[in-house]
Protein backbone atom coordinates (compact mmCIF):
# COMPACT_ATOMS: atom_id res chain seq x y z
CA MET A 1 -8.15 18.79 -1.24
CA LEU A 2 -8.40 17.05 -4.35
CA TYR A 3 -8.52 13.19 -4.30
CA THR A 4 -7.13 10.58 -7.44
CA LEU A 5 -6.44 6.90 -7.61
CA THR A 6 -2.89 7.40 -9.13
CA SER A 7 -0.77 7.37 -6.55
CA ALA A 8 2.75 9.67 -6.22
CA THR A 9 5.36 7.39 -7.58
CA HIS A 10 2.80 6.02 -10.47
CA GLN A 11 2.21 8.98 -12.08
CA GLY A 12 1.58 9.70 -16.00
CA ASP A 13 1.79 12.68 -18.01
CA ARG A 14 -2.40 13.41 -16.89
CA VAL A 15 -3.82 12.88 -13.91
CA CYS A 16 -7.24 12.34 -13.20
CA LEU A 17 -8.52 14.44 -10.02
CA TYR A 18 -12.22 14.34 -7.95
CA PRO A 19 -13.43 17.22 -6.03
CA THR A 20 -14.55 14.29 -3.30
CA LEU A 21 -13.29 11.50 -1.56
CA ASN A 22 -16.86 9.48 -2.35
CA ALA A 23 -16.33 10.58 -5.91
CA ALA A 24 -12.43 8.88 -5.70
CA GLN A 25 -13.99 6.15 -3.46
CA ALA A 26 -16.74 5.14 -6.10
CA GLN A 27 -14.45 4.68 -8.92
CA ALA A 28 -11.60 2.49 -6.86
CA ARG A 29 -11.58 -0.66 -7.76
CA ASP A 30 -11.12 -3.35 -4.80
CA GLY A 31 -8.13 -2.55 -2.74
CA HIS A 32 -6.90 0.66 -5.30
CA ALA A 33 -6.36 3.44 -2.83
CA VAL A 34 -7.40 6.95 -3.30
CA HIS A 35 -4.82 9.51 -2.68
CA ALA A 36 -5.55 13.26 -1.44
CA ILE A 37 -3.72 16.17 -2.50
CA SER A 38 -3.22 18.99 -1.12
CA VAL A 39 -4.18 21.95 -3.72
CA ASP A 40 -6.88 23.99 -4.55
CA ILE A 41 -8.22 25.42 -7.64
CA ASP A 42 -7.59 28.56 -8.71
CA PRO A 43 -11.21 29.71 -10.22
CA TYR A 44 -9.65 32.62 -12.00
CA ARG A 45 -6.57 31.19 -13.34
CA ARG A 46 -8.19 27.99 -13.88
CA CYS A 47 -5.03 26.05 -12.27
CA LEU A 48 -4.09 24.18 -9.51
CA ILE A 49 -2.16 25.90 -6.38
CA PRO A 50 -0.56 24.69 -3.39
CA GLN A 51 -2.82 24.47 -0.33
CA TRP A 52 -0.04 25.85 1.28
CA LYS A 53 2.01 28.29 0.80
CA GLN A 54 5.51 26.85 2.66
CA VAL A 55 5.57 23.31 1.14
CA ARG A 56 9.01 22.13 1.89
CA GLY A 57 10.79 21.44 -1.26
CA LEU A 58 8.04 22.93 -3.46
CA ASP A 59 8.64 25.90 -5.18
CA PRO A 60 6.16 28.69 -3.58
CA GLY A 61 4.67 29.65 -7.24
CA TRP A 62 4.09 25.98 -8.32
CA THR A 63 0.84 25.66 -10.50
CA THR A 64 -0.70 23.90 -13.23
CA PRO A 65 -3.23 24.26 -15.62
CA ILE A 66 -6.39 22.27 -15.37
CA GLU A 67 -9.04 20.59 -17.47
CA HIS A 68 -12.94 20.70 -15.68
CA GLN A 69 -14.12 17.00 -17.41
CA THR A 70 -18.30 17.06 -18.13
CA ASP A 71 -18.24 14.04 -15.41
CA GLY A 72 -17.19 16.12 -12.58
CA THR A 73 -13.27 15.18 -12.57
CA ILE A 74 -10.79 17.29 -13.30
CA THR A 75 -7.86 16.71 -15.62
CA THR A 76 -4.24 18.29 -15.22
CA ARG A 77 -0.79 17.92 -16.35
CA GLY A 78 1.45 15.01 -14.44
CA PRO A 79 3.41 14.38 -12.58
CA LEU A 80 2.05 16.45 -9.63
CA PRO A 81 4.57 17.49 -6.47
CA GLU A 82 4.96 14.28 -4.02
CA GLN A 83 5.43 16.97 -1.31
CA LEU A 84 1.29 17.42 -2.17
CA PHE A 85 0.15 13.83 -1.35
CA VAL A 86 -1.17 13.82 2.07
CA ASN A 87 -1.16 10.13 2.16
């Protein structure tokens, strides 16, 4: 599970992900929601993969490349499929 301040409906071409809920909350401004993303990191392929094998309406082979940032965040190409947003 990763976390973002970007909503499923307002994503750009890059999405910043946080490794923990606390890290995301520390960056959130007052009233800004934190969204959980149901993904895992595949360390060998350096990409995101769905946390669950069968997600309704999502290609089971879906992946997207990631870049690890020096501040501990992860950047990926967006938009992420809405089916992966938990809240």
